[in-house]
C-alpha atoms as a PDB file:
ATOM      1  CA  UNK A   1      14.803  15.081 -18.584  1.00  0.00           C
ATOM      2  CA  UNK A   2      16.402  12.043 -16.649  1.00  0.00           C
ATOM      3  CA  UNK A   3      13.881   8.349 -16.549  1.00  0.00           C
ATOM      4  CA  UNK A   4      14.700   5.428 -14.128  1.00  0.00           C
ATOM      5  CA  UNK A   5      17.331   3.322 -15.022  1.00  0.00           C
ATOM      6  CA  UNK A   6      16.867   0.013 -17.209  1.00  0.00           C
ATOM      7  CA  UNK A   7      17.984  -2.430 -14.663  1.00  0.00           C
ATOM      8  CA  UNK A   8      14.720  -0.971 -13.033  1.00  0.00           C
ATOM      9  CA  UNK A   9      12.059  -2.103 -15.076  1.00  0.00           C
ATOM     10  CA  UNK A  10       9.336  -4.022 -12.937  1.00  0.00           C
ATOM     11  CA  UNK A  11       6.134  -5.888 -14.263  1.00  0.00           C
ATOM     12  CA  UNK A  12       4.008  -6.044 -11.027  1.00  0.00           C
ATOM     13  CA  UNK A  13       0.560  -7.826 -12.087  1.00  0.00           C
ATOM     14  CA  UNK A  14       0.193  -6.384 -15.664  1.00  0.00           C
ATOM     15  CA  UNK A  15       1.879  -3.096 -14.818  1.00  0.00           C
ATOM     16  CA  UNK A  16       4.981  -1.577 -16.445  1.00  0.00           C
ATOM     17  CA  UNK A  17       6.478   0.223 -14.148  1.00  0.00           C
ATOM     18  CA  UNK A  18       9.632   2.514 -14.748  1.00  0.00           C
ATOM     19  CA  UNK A  19      11.194   1.146 -11.593  1.00  0.00           C
ATOM     20  CA  UNK A  20      10.065  -1.111  -8.145  1.00  0.00           C
ATOM     21  CA  UNK A  21       8.685   2.196  -5.633  1.00  0.00           C
ATOM     22  CA  UNK A  22       5.690   3.333  -5.182  1.00  0.00           C
ATOM     23  CA  UNK A  23       4.055   6.111  -3.257  1.00  0.00           C
ATOM     24  CA  UNK A  24       1.556   4.879  -1.089  1.00  0.00           C
ATOM     25  CA  UNK A  25      -2.183   5.580  -0.470  1.00  0.00           C
ATOM     26  CA  UNK A  26      -2.845   8.804   1.456  1.00  0.00           C
ATOM     27  CA  UNK A  27       0.617   9.957   1.159  1.00  0.00           C
ATOM     28  CA  UNK A  28       0.675  11.985  -1.972  1.00  0.00           C
ATOM     29  CA  UNK A  29      -2.545  14.597  -2.089  1.00  0.00           C
ATOM     30  CA  UNK A  30      -5.498  12.936  -3.667  1.00  0.00           C
ATOM     31  CA  UNK A  31      -3.671  11.552  -6.911  1.00  0.00           C
ATOM     32  CA  UNK A  32      -0.307  12.633  -7.756  1.00  0.00           C
ATOM     33  CA  UNK A  33      -0.437  15.895  -6.741  1.00  0.00           C
ATOM     34  CA  UNK A  34       3.176  15.215  -5.500  1.00  0.00           C
ATOM     35  CA  UNK A  35       4.867  15.125  -9.593  1.00  0.00           C
ATOM     36  CA  UNK A  36       4.789  19.191  -8.845  1.00  0.00           C
ATOM     37  CA  UNK A  37       7.829  17.929  -6.591  1.00  0.00           C
ATOM     38  CA  UNK A  38       9.028  14.359  -7.451  1.00  0.00           C
ATOM     39  CA  UNK A  39       9.536  13.198 -11.543  1.00  0.00           C
ATOM     40  CA  UNK A  40       7.055  10.853 -11.857  1.00  0.00           C
ATOM     41  CA  UNK A  41       8.769   9.987 -14.416  1.00  0.00           C
ATOM     42  CA  UNK A  42      11.570   7.893 -12.423  1.00  0.00           C
ATOM     43  CA  UNK A  43       9.531   5.885 -10.271  1.00  0.00           C
ATOM     44  CA  UNK A  44       6.898   3.135 -10.792  1.00  0.00           C
ATOM     45  CA  UNK A  45       3.412   4.479  -9.850  1.00  0.00           C
ATOM     46  CA  UNK A  46       1.319   6.183  -6.981  1.00  0.00           C
ATOM     47  CA  UNK A  47      -1.359   4.810  -5.042  1.00  0.00           C
ATOM     48  CA  UNK A  48      -4.021   7.422  -4.439  1.00  0.00           C
ATOM     49  CA  UNK A  49      -5.813   8.755  -1.412  1.00  0.00           C
ATOM     50  CA  UNK A  50      -8.659   5.901  -0.489  1.00  0.00           C
ATOM     51  CA  UNK A  51     -11.653   6.425  -1.628  1.00  0.00           C
ATOM     52  CA  UNK A  52     -15.048   5.694  -0.067  1.00  0.00           C
ATOM     53  CA  UNK A  53     -18.933   5.620  -1.230  1.00  0.00           C
ATOM     54  CA  UNK A  54     -19.465   8.901   0.462  1.00  0.00           C
ATOM     55  CA  UNK A  55     -17.669  11.440   1.355  1.00  0.00           C
ATOM     56  CA  UNK A  56     -15.860  11.639   4.370  1.00  0.00           C
ATOM     57  CA  UNK A  57     -14.476  14.387   6.796  1.00  0.00           C
ATOM     58  CA  UNK A  58     -11.960  11.921   8.841  1.00  0.00           C
ATOM     59  CA  UNK A  59     -11.927  12.689  12.618  1.00  0.00           C
ATOM     60  CA  UNK A  60     -11.558  15.705  14.662  1.00  0.00           C
ATOM     61  CA  UNK A  61      -8.037  16.936  15.073  1.00  0.00           C
ATOM     62  CA  UNK A  62      -5.331  16.325  16.688  1.00  0.00           C
ATOM     63  CA  UNK A  63      -4.970  13.537  14.089  1.00  0.00           C
ATOM     64  CA  UNK A  64      -1.686  13.479  13.528  1.00  0.00           C
ATOM     65  CA  UNK A  65       0.965  12.800  15.922  1.00  0.00           C
ATOM     66  CA  UNK A  66       5.229  12.298  15.480  1.00  0.00           C
ATOM     67  CA  UNK A  67       6.638  10.472  17.690  1.00  0.00           C
ATOM     68  CA  UNK A  68      10.067   9.773  17.895  1.00  0.00           C
ATOM     69  CA  UNK A  69      10.458   7.611  15.862  1.00  0.00           C
ATOM     70  CA  UNK A  70       7.900   7.110  13.042  1.00  0.00           C
ATOM     71  CA  UNK A  71       4.647   8.855  13.271  1.00  0.00           C
ATOM     72  CA  UNK A  72       0.599   8.053  14.553  1.00  0.00           C
ATOM     73  CA  UNK A  73      -2.534   8.741  12.316  1.00  0.00           C
ATOM     74  CA  UNK A  74      -5.742   9.079  12.648  1.00  0.00           C
ATOM     75  CA  UNK A  75      -6.947  10.354   9.844  1.00  0.00           C
ATOM     76  CA  UNK A  76     -10.106   8.336   9.611  1.00  0.00           C
ATOM     77  CA  UNK A  77     -10.872   8.375   5.770  1.00  0.00           C
ATOM     78  CA  UNK A  78     -10.916  11.911   4.798  1.00  0.00           C
ATOM     79  CA  UNK A  79     -11.942  11.773   1.351  1.00  0.00           C
ATOM     80  CA  UNK A  80     -14.107  13.394  -0.974  1.00  0.00           C
ATOM     81  CA  UNK A  81     -16.352  10.326  -1.873  1.00  0.00           C
ATOM     82  CA  UNK A  82     -16.490   8.290  -5.218  1.00  0.00           C
ATOM     83  CA  UNK A  83     -18.866  11.041  -6.969  1.00  0.00           C
ATOM     84  CA  UNK A  84     -16.613  13.907  -6.503  1.00  0.00           C
ATOM     85  CA  UNK A  85     -13.172  11.574  -7.098  1.00  0.00           C
ATOM     86  CA  UNK A  86     -14.897  10.457 -10.492  1.00  0.00           C
ATOM     87  CA  UNK A  87     -15.963  13.883 -11.459  1.00  0.00           C
ATOM     88  CA  UNK A  88     -12.742  15.104 -10.855  1.00  0.00           C
ATOM     89  CA  UNK A  89     -10.903  12.276 -12.790  1.00  0.00           C
ATOM     90  CA  UNK A  90     -12.954  13.688 -16.275  1.00  0.00           C
ATOM     91  CA  UNK A  91     -10.309  15.858 -16.702  1.00  0.00           C
ATOM     92  CA  UNK A  92      -6.964  14.503 -15.085  1.00  0.00           C
ATOM     93  CA  UNK A  93      -4.928  13.819 -18.019  1.00  0.00           C
ATOM     94  CA  UNK A  94      -2.298  10.951 -17.761  1.00  0.00           C
ATOM     95  CA  UNK A  95       0.788  11.667 -15.971  1.00  0.00           C
ATOM     96  CA  UNK A  96       4.399   9.495 -16.152  1.00  0.00           C
ATOM     97  CA  UNK A  97       3.625   6.854 -13.706  1.00  0.00           C
ATOM     98  CA  UNK A  98       0.389   5.053 -13.458  1.00  0.00           C
ATOM     99  CA  UNK A  99      -2.393   5.851 -10.837  1.00  0.00           C
ATOM    100  CA  UNK A 100      -3.730   2.974  -8.957  1.00  0.00           C
ATOM    101  CA  UNK A 101      -6.970   3.777  -7.219  1.00  0.00           C
ATOM    102  CA  UNK A 102      -7.625   2.926  -3.500  1.00  0.00           C
ATOM    103  CA  UNK A 103     -11.043   1.599  -2.384  1.00  0.00           C
ATOM    104  CA  UNK A 104     -12.437   1.489   1.352  1.00  0.00           C
ATOM    105  CA  UNK A 105     -15.723   0.938   3.407  1.00  0.00           C
ATOM    106  CA  UNK A 106     -17.084   0.045   5.644  1.00  0.00           C
ATOM    107  CA  UNK A 107     -19.888  -3.311   3.988  1.00  0.00           C
ATOM    108  CA  UNK A 108     -19.549  -5.278   0.697  1.00  0.00           C
ATOM    109  CA  UNK A 109     -21.895  -2.900  -1.152  1.00  0.00           C
ATOM    110  CA  UNK A 110     -19.974  -0.067  -0.320  1.00  0.00           C
ATOM    111  CA  UNK A 111     -16.426  -1.820  -1.348  1.00  0.00           C
ATOM    112  CA  UNK A 112     -18.227  -3.336  -4.859  1.00  0.00           C
ATOM    113  CA  UNK A 113     -19.769   0.330  -5.508  1.00  0.00           C
ATOM    114  CA  UNK A 114     -16.343   1.694  -5.278  1.00  0.00           C
ATOM    115  CA  UNK A 115     -14.236  -0.792  -6.785  1.00  0.00           C
ATOM    116  CA  UNK A 116     -16.669  -0.529 -10.316  1.00  0.00           C
ATOM    117  CA  UNK A 117     -17.266   3.386  -9.901  1.00  0.00           C
ATOM    118  CA  UNK A 118     -12.873   3.242 -10.163  1.00  0.00           C
ATOM    119  CA  UNK A 119     -12.042   0.535 -12.391  1.00  0.00           C
ATOM    120  CA  UNK A 120     -14.547   2.159 -14.978  1.00  0.00           C
ATOM    121  CA  UNK A 121     -11.898   5.390 -14.967  1.00  0.00           C
ATOM    122  CA  UNK A 122      -9.421   5.903 -17.682  1.00  0.00           C
ATOM    123  CA  UNK A 123      -6.852   7.594 -15.428  1.00  0.00           C
ATOM    124  CA  UNK A 124      -6.742   4.205 -13.229  1.00  0.00           C
ATOM    125  CA  UNK A 125      -5.067   1.577 -14.098  1.00  0.00           C
ATOM    126  CA  UNK A 126      -5.429  -1.050 -11.142  1.00  0.00           C
ATOM    127  CA  UNK A 127      -7.398  -0.722  -8.080  1.00  0.00           C
ATOM    128  CA  UNK A 128      -5.621  -1.657  -4.497  1.00  0.00           C
ATOM    129  CA  UNK A 129      -8.544  -2.807  -1.612  1.00  0.00           C
ATOM    130  CA  UNK A 130      -8.092  -1.300   1.683  1.00  0.00           C
ATOM    131  CA  UNK A 131      -9.662  -4.543   3.960  1.00  0.00           C
ATOM    132  CA  UNK A 132      -7.908  -2.941   7.151  1.00  0.00           C
ATOM    133  CA  UNK A 133     -11.471  -1.267   7.556  1.00  0.00           C
ATOM    134  CA  UNK A 134     -14.085  -2.275  10.656  1.00  0.00           C
ATOM    135  CA  UNK A 135     -16.710  -4.443   9.337  1.00  0.00           C
ATOM    136  CA  UNK A 136     -19.914  -2.597  10.522  1.00  0.00           C
ATOM    137  CA  UNK A 137     -21.873  -6.277  10.418  1.00  0.00           C
ATOM    138  CA  UNK A 138     -19.014  -8.246  11.455  1.00  0.00           C
ATOM    139  CA  UNK A 139     -17.216  -6.867  14.334  1.00  0.00           C
ATOM    140  CA  UNK A 140     -13.783  -7.168  13.008  1.00  0.00           C
ATOM    141  CA  UNK A 141     -11.638  -5.842  10.311  1.00  0.00           C
ATOM    142  CA  UNK A 142     -12.042  -6.879   6.348  1.00  0.00           C
ATOM    143  CA  UNK A 143      -8.776  -8.465   6.646  1.00  0.00           C
ATOM    144  CA  UNK A 144      -8.935  -9.772   9.692  1.00  0.00           C
ATOM    145  CA  UNK A 145     -12.063 -12.558   8.520  1.00  0.00           C
ATOM    146  CA  UNK A 146     -11.526 -14.858   5.779  1.00  0.00           C
ATOM    147  CA  UNK A 147     -15.110 -15.005   4.919  1.00  0.00           C
ATOM    148  CA  UNK A 148     -15.101 -11.050   4.714  1.00  0.00           C
ATOM    149  CA  UNK A 149     -12.271 -10.578   2.403  1.00  0.00           C
ATOM    150  CA  UNK A 150     -13.140 -13.446   0.499  1.00  0.00           C
ATOM    151  CA  UNK A 151     -16.449 -11.644  -0.261  1.00  0.00           C
ATOM    152  CA  UNK A 152     -14.217  -8.380  -1.278  1.00  0.00           C
ATOM    153  CA  UNK A 153     -12.011  -9.318  -3.197  1.00  0.00           C
ATOM    154  CA  UNK A 154     -14.187 -11.060  -5.390  1.00  0.00           C
ATOM    155  CA  UNK A 155     -16.559  -8.069  -5.115  1.00  0.00           C
ATOM    156  CA  UNK A 156     -13.638  -6.359  -6.570  1.00  0.00           C
ATOM    157  CA  UNK A 157     -12.895  -8.964  -9.096  1.00  0.00           C
ATOM    158  CA  UNK A 158     -16.022  -8.604 -10.156  1.00  0.00           C
ATOM    159  CA  UNK A 159     -16.128  -5.494 -11.019  1.00  0.00           C
ATOM    160  CA  UNK A 160     -12.964  -5.201 -13.258  1.00  0.00           C
ATOM    161  CA  UNK A 161     -10.155  -7.523 -15.452  1.00  0.00           C
ATOM    162  CA  UNK A 162      -7.695  -4.532 -13.841  1.00  0.00           C
ATOM    163  CA  UNK A 163      -5.129  -5.457 -11.616  1.00  0.00           C
ATOM    164  CA  UNK A 164      -6.723  -5.865  -8.093  1.00  0.00           C
ATOM    165  CA  UNK A 165      -4.323  -5.680  -5.399  1.00  0.00           C
ATOM    166  CA  UNK A 166      -5.451  -6.285  -1.612  1.00  0.00           C
ATOM    167  CA  UNK A 167      -3.718  -4.419   1.086  1.00  0.00           C
ATOM    168  CA  UNK A 168      -3.293  -7.037   4.643  1.00  0.00           C
ATOM    169  CA  UNK A 169      -3.655  -5.417   8.167  1.00  0.00           C
ATOM    170  CA  UNK A 170      -0.034  -6.400   9.517  1.00  0.00           C
ATOM    171  CA  UNK A 171      -1.546  -7.605  13.214  1.00  0.00           C
ATOM    172  CA  UNK A 172      -4.219 -10.066  12.562  1.00  0.00           C
ATOM    173  CA  UNK A 173      -7.010  -9.860  15.406  1.00  0.00           C
ATOM    174  CA  UNK A 174     -10.315 -11.425  15.923  1.00  0.00           C
ATOM    175  CA  UNK A 175      -9.793 -14.785  14.165  1.00  0.00           C
ATOM    176  CA  UNK A 176      -6.958 -17.484  14.215  1.00  0.00           C
ATOM    177  CA  UNK A 177      -5.819 -16.653  10.597  1.00  0.00           C
ATOM    178  CA  UNK A 178      -2.585 -15.749  10.283  1.00  0.00           C
ATOM    179  CA  UNK A 179      -1.516 -13.510   6.686  1.00  0.00           C
ATOM    180  CA  UNK A 180      -0.346 -16.292   5.156  1.00  0.00           C
ATOM    181  CA  UNK A 181      -4.123 -17.358   5.663  1.00  0.00           C
ATOM    182  CA  UNK A 182      -5.320 -14.440   4.089  1.00  0.00           C
ATOM    183  CA  UNK A 183      -2.829 -13.425   1.624  1.00  0.00           C
ATOM    184  CA  UNK A 184      -3.692 -17.025   0.274  1.00  0.00           C
ATOM    185  CA  UNK A 185      -7.786 -16.397   0.218  1.00  0.00           C
ATOM    186  CA  UNK A 186      -6.957 -12.984  -1.589  1.00  0.00           C
ATOM    187  CA  UNK A 187      -5.129 -15.086  -4.003  1.00  0.00           C
ATOM    188  CA  UNK A 188      -7.872 -17.375  -4.518  1.00  0.00           C
ATOM    189  CA  UNK A 189     -10.282 -15.322  -4.920  1.00  0.00           C
ATOM    190  CA  UNK A 190      -8.707 -13.538  -7.725  1.00  0.00           C
ATOM    191  CA  UNK A 191      -5.906 -10.569  -6.282  1.00  0.00           C
ATOM    192  CA  UNK A 192      -3.085 -10.229  -8.726  1.00  0.00           C
ATOM    193  CA  UNK A 193      -0.671  -9.076  -6.207  1.00  0.00           C
ATOM    194  CA  UNK A 194      -0.635  -8.686  -2.457  1.00  0.00           C
ATOM    195  CA  UNK A 195       0.427  -5.503  -0.194  1.00  0.00           C
ATOM    196  CA  UNK A 196       2.172  -6.009   3.157  1.00  0.00           C
ATOM    197  CA  UNK A 197       1.297  -3.716   5.243  1.00  0.00           C
ATOM    198  CA  UNK A 198      -0.646  -1.103   6.657  1.00  0.00           C
ATOM    199  CA  UNK A 199      -0.082   0.565   9.470  1.00  0.00           C
ATOM    200  CA  UNK A 200       0.313  -1.017  13.255  1.00  0.00           C
ATOM    201  CA  UNK A 201      -2.532   0.177  16.017  1.00  0.00           C
ATOM    202  CA  UNK A 202      -1.061   2.420  18.691  1.00  0.00           C
ATOM    203  CA  UNK A 203      -1.738   5.075  20.804  1.00  0.00           C
ATOM    204  CA  UNK A 204       0.614   7.866  22.544  1.00  0.00           C
ATOM    205  CA  UNK A 205      -1.030   9.897  25.798  1.00  0.00           C
ATOM    206  CA  UNK A 206       0.472  13.047  26.656  1.00  0.00           C
ATOM    207  CA  UNK A 207       1.758  12.573  30.501  1.00  0.00           C
ATOM    208  CA  UNK A 208       1.298  16.439  31.764  1.00  0.00           C
ATOM    209  CA  UNK A 209      -2.419  16.865  30.444  1.00  0.00           C
ATOM    210  CA  UNK A 210      -3.051  12.847  30.991  1.00  0.00           C
ATOM    211  CA  UNK A 211      -4.953  12.902  27.568  1.00  0.00           C
ATOM    212  CA  UNK A 212      -4.135  10.892  24.694  1.00  0.00           C
ATOM    213  CA  UNK A 213      -2.377  12.546  21.975  1.00  0.00           C
ATOM    214  CA  UNK A 214      -4.882  11.896  19.174  1.00  0.00           C
ATOM    215  CA  UNK A 215      -8.122  12.791  19.348  1.00  0.00           C
ATOM    216  CA  UNK A 216      -9.826   9.441  18.070  1.00  0.00           C
ATOM    217  CA  UNK A 217      -7.405   7.771  20.927  1.00  0.00           C
ATOM    218  CA  UNK A 218      -6.072   4.759  19.390  1.00  0.00           C
ATOM    219  CA  UNK A 219      -4.687   5.538  15.386  1.00  0.00           C
ATOM    220  CA  UNK A 220      -2.090   3.414  13.094  1.00  0.00           C
ATOM    221  CA  UNK A 221       1.470   3.355  13.743  1.00  0.00           C
ATOM    222  CA  UNK A 222       3.971   4.151  10.752  1.00  0.00           C
ATOM    223  CA  UNK A 223       7.794   4.215  10.512  1.00  0.00           C
ATOM    224  CA  UNK A 224      10.898   2.572  10.709  1.00  0.00           C
ATOM    225  CA  UNK A 225      10.290   0.820  13.817  1.00  0.00           C
ATOM    226  CA  UNK A 226       7.461  -1.024  11.858  1.00  0.00           C
ATOM    227  CA  UNK A 227      10.331  -2.158   9.104  1.00  0.00           C
ATOM    228  CA  UNK A 228      11.198  -5.491  10.706  1.00  0.00           C
ATOM    229  CA  UNK A 229       7.969  -7.224  11.931  1.00  0.00           C
ATOM    230  CA  UNK A 230       6.804  -6.302   8.041  1.00  0.00           C
ATOM    231  CA  UNK A 231      10.226  -7.614   6.325  1.00  0.00           C
ATOM    232  CA  UNK A 232       8.998 -10.689   8.475  1.00  0.00           C
ATOM    233  CA  UNK A 233       5.741 -10.956   7.106  1.00  0.00           C
ATOM    234  CA  UNK A 234       7.169 -10.499   3.918  1.00  0.00           C
ATOM    235  CA  UNK A 235       9.606 -13.697   4.217  1.00  0.00           C
ATOM    236  CA  UNK A 236       6.668 -15.901   5.500  1.00  0.00           C
ATOM    237  CA  UNK A 237       3.569 -14.782   2.951  1.00  0.00           C
ATOM    238  CA  UNK A 238       6.181 -14.782  -0.412  1.00  0.00           C
ATOM    239  CA  UNK A 239       7.715 -18.535   1.811  1.00  0.00           C
ATOM    240  CA  UNK A 240       4.692 -20.169   2.410  1.00  0.00           C
ATOM    241  CA  UNK A 241       1.667 -18.459  -0.467  1.00  0.00           C
ATOM    242  CA  UNK A 242       3.317 -16.460  -3.723  1.00  0.00           C
ATOM    243  CA  UNK A 243       6.336 -17.321  -5.076  1.00  0.00           C
ATOM    244  CA  UNK A 244       4.253 -20.767  -5.755  1.00  0.00           C
ATOM    245  CA  UNK A 245       1.529 -19.088  -6.690  1.00  0.00           C
ATOM    246  CA  UNK A 246       3.227 -16.556  -8.533  1.00  0.00           C
ATOM    247  CA  UNK A 247       1.717 -13.389  -7.079  1.00  0.00           C
ATOM    248  CA  UNK A 248       3.753 -10.369  -6.344  1.00  0.00           C
ATOM    249  CA  UNK A 249       3.318  -8.931  -3.400  1.00  0.00           C
ATOM    250  CA  UNK A 250       3.987  -4.995  -2.608  1.00  0.00           C
ATOM    251  CA  UNK A 251       5.842  -3.733   0.348  1.00  0.00           C
ATOM    252  CA  UNK A 252       5.503  -1.134   2.806  1.00  0.00           C
ATOM    253  CA  UNK A 253       6.243   0.248   5.887  1.00  0.00           C
ATOM    254  CA  UNK A 254       9.543   2.554   7.443  1.00  0.00           C
ATOM    255  CA  UNK A 255      11.144   2.943   3.846  1.00  0.00           C
ATOM    256  CA  UNK A 256      13.797   5.979   4.750  1.00  0.00           C
ATOM    257  CA  UNK A 257      16.413   4.722   2.202  1.00  0.00           C
ATOM    258  CA  UNK A 258      17.162   2.282  -0.787  1.00  0.00           C
ATOM    259  CA  UNK A 259      18.816  -0.257   1.571  1.00  0.00           C
ATOM    260  CA  UNK A 260      15.228  -0.766   3.416  1.00  0.00           C
ATOM    261  CA  UNK A 261      13.512  -1.100   0.176  1.00  0.00           C
ATOM    262  CA  UNK A 262      16.489  -3.197  -0.721  1.00  0.00           C
ATOM    263  CA  UNK A 263      15.590  -5.160   2.407  1.00  0.00           C
ATOM    264  CA  UNK A 264      12.200  -6.001   1.616  1.00  0.00           C
ATOM    265  CA  UNK A 265      13.486  -7.057  -2.165  1.00  0.00           C
ATOM    266  CA  UNK A 266      15.667  -9.848  -0.316  1.00  0.00           C
ATOM    267  CA  UNK A 267      12.829 -11.094   1.484  1.00  0.00           C
ATOM    268  CA  UNK A 268      10.132 -11.733  -2.009  1.00  0.00           C
ATOM    269  CA  UNK A 269       8.469  -8.651  -2.375  1.00  0.00           C
ATOM    270  CA  UNK A 270       8.878  -7.553  -6.026  1.00  0.00           C
ATOM    271  CA  UNK A 271       7.947  -3.790  -5.630  1.00  0.00           C
ATOM    272  CA  UNK A 272       7.693  -1.522  -2.519  1.00  0.00           C
ATOM    273  CA  UNK A 273       5.492   1.227  -1.744  1.00  0.00           C
ATOM    274  CA  UNK A 274       6.637   4.687   1.121  1.00  0.00           C
ATOM    275  CA  UNK A 275       4.070   6.418   3.076  1.00  0.00           C
ATOM    276  CA  UNK A 276       5.302   8.066   6.146  1.00  0.00           C
ATOM    277  CA  UNK A 277       8.800   8.784   4.390  1.00  0.00           C
ATOM    278  CA  UNK A 278       7.362  10.513   1.477  1.00  0.00           C
ATOM    279  CA  UNK A 279       5.900  13.124   3.685  1.00  0.00           C
ATOM    280  CA  UNK A 280       9.002  14.009   5.536  1.00  0.00           C
ATOM    281  CA  UNK A 281      10.951  13.808   2.180  1.00  0.00           C
ATOM    282  CA  UNK A 282       8.105  13.677  -1.053  1.00  0.00           C
ATOM    283  CA  UNK A 283      11.496  13.398  -3.337  1.00  0.00           C
ATOM    284  CA  UNK A 284      12.784   9.839  -1.585  1.00  0.00           C
ATOM    285  CA  UNK A 285      10.708   7.847  -3.681  1.00  0.00           C
ATOM    286  CA  UNK A 286      13.077   9.194  -6.220  1.00  0.00           C
ATOM    287  CA  UNK A 287      16.601   9.101  -4.375  1.00  0.00           C
ATOM    288  CA  UNK A 288      15.191   5.059  -3.045  1.00  0.00           C
ATOM    289  CA  UNK A 289      14.886   4.542  -6.763  1.00  0.00           C
ATOM    290  CA  UNK A 290      18.268   5.746  -7.359  1.00  0.00           C
ATOM    291  CA  UNK A 291      19.921   3.612  -4.817  1.00  0.00           C
ATOM    292  CA  UNK A 292      18.368   0.052  -5.895  1.00  0.00           C
ATOM    293  CA  UNK A 293      19.913   0.483  -9.364  1.00  0.00           C
ATOM    294  CA  UNK A 294      22.988   0.789  -8.154  1.00  0.00           C
ATOM    295  CA  UNK A 295      22.606  -2.057  -5.524  1.00  0.00           C
ATOM    296  CA  UNK A 296      21.332  -4.075  -8.172  1.00  0.00           C
ATOM    297  CA  UNK A 297      24.571  -3.617 -10.490  1.00  0.00           C
ATOM    298  CA  UNK A 298      26.518  -4.009  -7.014  1.00  0.00           C
ATOM    299  CA  UNK A 299      25.553  -7.798  -6.886  1.00  0.00           C
ATOM    300  CA  UNK A 300      26.218  -8.766 -10.441  1.00  0.00           C
ATOM    301  CA  UNK A 301      22.442  -8.621 -11.721  1.00  0.00           C
ATOM    302  CA  UNK A 302      21.345  -7.000 -15.153  1.00  0.00           C
ATOM    303  CA  UNK A 303      17.726  -6.338 -13.304  1.00  0.00           C
ATOM    304  CA  UNK A 304      16.033  -5.838  -9.871  1.00  0.00           C
ATOM    305  CA  UNK A 305      13.501  -8.689 -10.436  1.00  0.00           C
ATOM    306  CA  UNK A 306      16.212 -11.404 -10.512  1.00  0.00           C
ATOM    307  CA  UNK A 307      16.806 -10.162  -6.153  1.00  0.00           C
ATOM    308  CA  UNK A 308      13.783 -10.842  -5.251  1.00  0.00           C
ATOM    309  CA  UNK A 309      13.451 -13.575  -2.429  1.00  0.00           C
ATOM    310  CA  UNK A 310      17.273 -13.560  -3.220  1.00  0.00           C
ATOM    311  CA  UNK A 311      17.796 -13.486   0.724  1.00  0.00           C
ATOM    312  CA  UNK A 312      20.617 -16.326   1.321  1.00  0.00           C
ATOM    313  CA  UNK A 313      18.916 -18.802   4.637  1.00  0.00           C
ATOM    314  CA  UNK A 314      21.670 -20.567   6.470  1.00  0.00           C
ATOM    315  CA  UNK A 315      21.050 -24.040   6.690  1.00  0.00           C
END
């Protein structure tokens, strides 16, 4: 069976990956069911669906809307809850690539509980903290409030010695803090990697019925149109924070081909995640990995990591 090419081997926050291409949370089923159509030995890792303390049915339908470029979703964190998820993982057989657990909650205790429970599962090699959830006590997303963010990351750090990734939102609302400020807070509290970014808030209206296309009215926008936004954020956070801190960035947003992933790497990402693109074509992570290997060779390097942050900035 073919495997990823040696030029793609990547160390990501202590995880040894066959390639710097991951499948983003919520796009591969609950765990690694996507392995039925995708050769997991040729990609880096799969991020599991975000898990909350209690089961969630999610928002009413329609909760996904395809647009001209990309899509809106308001799934509402539908998931089986940590008890059912942990029970299902007892019989889970390790696959050819690592599983990264995704933590979501609406208060600090919830984050701490899910982080601890996920980290205790042998099949979970790292955890990613989704801090784009609304804080029911503070009124803004955890990822937009430096104090709340610090508490959540610290709770996850206290729960495990496994790598902790922190997934920030691309639009910082409710505070004057930049995304570089928030990445600094996360790293200071023990984050091993920064994931940039979650979806962009958006909405769509049916002009014939004059009603929102999402039952939830608003949702998260993803797809190719957000890529330039996230490329800029990756560049900013890499240049201002993570390069000197020695902490990797995982870029996610609008990847539809290898050249999009390459753009993120040049901006400062060590690895990428593919989200909406996987829904359109479940095999795209494998295609992106193949293209990245060819690109790295064309750039005259023997390891793709040498291209992280290698964008040449005009004097």
